[in-house]
Amino acid sequence: MRVQHAGVLGYLEPVSAPVYALLLLGQGIAAWTIAGGALICVAGALVVMFGEREELMPA
């Protein structure tokens, strides 16, 4: 995995905080939070699907 792709996928971690707050604490999630989380998930999916793959060097 390329470093650039790992950085984008690292943004998926903060998306889990509101989900855990909803499930464990019963807190509500604002519409802007849902929209932002959806954009982050879509960006991560696009990176995984269409990002260039790093070729392995032959040994």
N, C-alpha and C. Protein backbone atom coordinates (compact mmCIF):
# COMPACT_ATOMS: atom_id res chain seq x y z
N MET A 1 0.85 -1.16 0.00
CA MET A 1 0.00 0.00 0.00
C MET A 1 0.90 1.23 0.00
N ARG A 2 0.56 2.21 -0.79
CA ARG A 2 1.33 3.43 -0.85
C ARG A 2 1.09 4.28 0.40
N VAL A 3 2.06 5.07 0.73
CA VAL A 3 1.96 5.92 1.92
C VAL A 3 0.80 6.90 1.78
N GLN A 4 0.59 7.42 0.60
CA GLN A 4 -0.50 8.37 0.38
C GLN A 4 -1.85 7.71 0.64
N HIS A 5 -1.98 6.47 0.26
CA HIS A 5 -3.24 5.76 0.47
C HIS A 5 -3.45 5.48 1.94
N ALA A 6 -2.40 5.12 2.64
CA ALA A 6 -2.52 4.84 4.08
C ALA A 6 -2.94 6.10 4.83
N GLY A 7 -2.46 7.25 4.41
CA GLY A 7 -2.85 8.50 5.05
C GLY A 7 -4.33 8.78 4.90
N VAL A 8 -4.86 8.57 3.72
CA VAL A 8 -6.29 8.79 3.49
C VAL A 8 -7.11 7.78 4.29
N LEU A 9 -6.68 6.54 4.31
CA LEU A 9 -7.42 5.53 5.05
C LEU A 9 -7.33 5.76 6.56
N GLY A 10 -6.29 6.45 7.01
CA GLY A 10 -6.17 6.77 8.43
C GLY A 10 -7.28 7.70 8.91
N TYR A 11 -7.89 8.44 7.98
CA TYR A 11 -8.99 9.33 8.34
C TYR A 11 -10.26 8.55 8.69
N LEU A 12 -10.28 7.27 8.45
CA LEU A 12 -11.47 6.47 8.81
C LEU A 12 -11.61 6.29 10.32
N GLU A 13 -10.51 6.40 11.05
CA GLU A 13 -10.58 6.21 12.50
C GLU A 13 -11.49 7.23 13.19
N PRO A 14 -11.38 8.55 12.90
CA PRO A 14 -12.27 9.49 13.58
C PRO A 14 -13.75 9.29 13.24
N VAL A 15 -14.04 8.62 12.14
CA VAL A 15 -15.43 8.36 11.78
C VAL A 15 -16.07 7.43 12.80
N SER A 16 -15.28 6.57 13.41
CA SER A 16 -15.82 5.60 14.35
C SER A 16 -16.24 6.23 15.68
N ALA A 17 -15.67 7.37 16.07
CA ALA A 17 -15.99 7.98 17.36
C ALA A 17 -17.47 8.33 17.50
N PRO A 18 -18.09 9.02 16.53
CA PRO A 18 -19.53 9.29 16.69
C PRO A 18 -20.38 8.02 16.67
N VAL A 19 -19.94 7.02 15.93
CA VAL A 19 -20.69 5.76 15.89
C VAL A 19 -20.65 5.09 17.27
N TYR A 20 -19.47 5.05 17.88
CA TYR A 20 -19.36 4.48 19.23
C TYR A 20 -20.15 5.31 20.24
N ALA A 21 -20.14 6.64 20.10
CA ALA A 21 -20.92 7.49 21.01
C ALA A 21 -22.41 7.19 20.88
N LEU A 22 -22.85 6.92 19.67
CA LEU A 22 -24.26 6.58 19.45
C LEU A 22 -24.58 5.22 20.07
N LEU A 23 -23.75 4.24 19.77
CA LEU A 23 -24.04 2.88 20.23
C LEU A 23 -23.85 2.69 21.74
N LEU A 24 -22.79 3.25 22.29
CA LEU A 24 -22.47 3.01 23.69
C LEU A 24 -23.08 4.03 24.65
N LEU A 25 -23.21 5.27 24.21
CA LEU A 25 -23.69 6.32 25.11
C LEU A 25 -25.07 6.84 24.76
N GLY A 26 -25.57 6.46 23.61
CA GLY A 26 -26.89 6.91 23.20
C GLY A 26 -26.95 8.36 22.75
N GLN A 27 -25.80 8.95 22.44
CA GLN A 27 -25.77 10.33 21.97
C GLN A 27 -26.21 10.40 20.52
N GLY A 28 -26.83 11.49 20.17
CA GLY A 28 -27.27 11.69 18.80
C GLY A 28 -26.11 12.12 17.91
N ILE A 29 -26.30 11.97 16.63
CA ILE A 29 -25.29 12.38 15.65
C ILE A 29 -25.91 13.44 14.76
N ALA A 30 -25.21 14.57 14.62
CA ALA A 30 -25.71 15.67 13.79
C ALA A 30 -25.62 15.30 12.31
N ALA A 31 -26.45 15.95 11.52
CA ALA A 31 -26.46 15.68 10.08
C ALA A 31 -25.12 16.02 9.45
N TRP A 32 -24.45 17.09 9.92
CA TRP A 32 -23.15 17.47 9.38
C TRP A 32 -22.10 16.41 9.69
N THR A 33 -22.22 15.78 10.84
CA THR A 33 -21.28 14.71 11.21
C THR A 33 -21.47 13.50 10.30
N ILE A 34 -22.71 13.17 10.02
CA ILE A 34 -23.00 12.06 9.12
C ILE A 34 -22.49 12.36 7.71
N ALA A 35 -22.72 13.60 7.25
CA ALA A 35 -22.26 13.98 5.91
C ALA A 35 -20.74 13.93 5.82
N GLY A 36 -20.05 14.43 6.83
CA GLY A 36 -18.59 14.39 6.83
C GLY A 36 -18.06 12.98 6.88
N GLY A 37 -18.66 12.14 7.71
CA GLY A 37 -18.25 10.74 7.78
C GLY A 37 -18.47 10.01 6.47
N ALA A 38 -19.59 10.33 5.82
CA ALA A 38 -19.86 9.69 4.52
C ALA A 38 -18.83 10.11 3.48
N LEU A 39 -18.45 11.38 3.48
CA LEU A 39 -17.44 11.84 2.52
C LEU A 39 -16.09 11.16 2.78
N ILE A 40 -15.73 11.01 4.04
CA ILE A 40 -14.48 10.35 4.38
C ILE A 40 -14.51 8.89 3.94
N CYS A 41 -15.63 8.21 4.17
CA CYS A 41 -15.75 6.80 3.76
C CYS A 41 -15.70 6.66 2.24
N VAL A 42 -16.35 7.57 1.52
CA VAL A 42 -16.32 7.52 0.07
C VAL A 42 -14.90 7.76 -0.44
N ALA A 43 -14.20 8.73 0.16
CA ALA A 43 -12.82 8.99 -0.26
C ALA A 43 -11.94 7.77 -0.01
N GLY A 44 -12.11 7.11 1.13
CA GLY A 44 -11.35 5.91 1.41
C GLY A 44 -11.64 4.79 0.43
N ALA A 45 -12.91 4.63 0.09
CA ALA A 45 -13.28 3.60 -0.87
C ALA A 45 -12.70 3.90 -2.26
N LEU A 46 -12.72 5.16 -2.66
CA LEU A 46 -12.16 5.53 -3.96
C LEU A 46 -10.66 5.29 -4.00
N VAL A 47 -9.97 5.58 -2.92
CA VAL A 47 -8.53 5.33 -2.87
C VAL A 47 -8.23 3.85 -2.99
N VAL A 48 -8.98 3.04 -2.29
CA VAL A 48 -8.75 1.59 -2.34
C VAL A 48 -9.07 1.04 -3.72
N MET A 49 -10.15 1.50 -4.34
CA MET A 49 -10.57 0.94 -5.63
C MET A 49 -9.75 1.46 -6.80
N PHE A 50 -9.45 2.76 -6.81
CA PHE A 50 -8.85 3.35 -8.00
C PHE A 50 -7.43 3.86 -7.80
N GLY A 51 -6.90 3.75 -6.61
CA GLY A 51 -5.54 4.21 -6.36
C GLY A 51 -4.53 3.31 -7.05
N GLU A 52 -3.42 3.91 -7.45
CA GLU A 52 -2.38 3.12 -8.10
C GLU A 52 -1.74 2.19 -7.07
N ARG A 53 -1.46 1.00 -7.50
CA ARG A 53 -0.84 0.03 -6.60
C ARG A 53 0.66 0.05 -6.79
N GLU A 54 1.35 -0.15 -5.70
CA GLU A 54 2.79 -0.17 -5.74
C GLU A 54 3.25 -1.56 -6.18
N GLU A 55 4.10 -1.60 -7.18
CA GLU A 55 4.59 -2.88 -7.68
C GLU A 55 5.75 -3.35 -6.83
N LEU A 56 5.78 -4.63 -6.55
CA LEU A 56 6.87 -5.20 -5.76
C LEU A 56 8.10 -5.38 -6.63
N MET A 57 9.23 -5.13 -6.04
CA MET A 57 10.50 -5.32 -6.75
C MET A 57 10.84 -6.80 -6.76
N PRO A 58 11.24 -7.35 -7.90
CA PRO A 58 11.63 -8.77 -7.93
C PRO A 58 12.89 -8.98 -7.11
N ALA A 59 12.94 -10.10 -6.41
CA ALA A 59 14.09 -10.39 -5.55
C ALA A 59 15.27 -10.95 -6.33
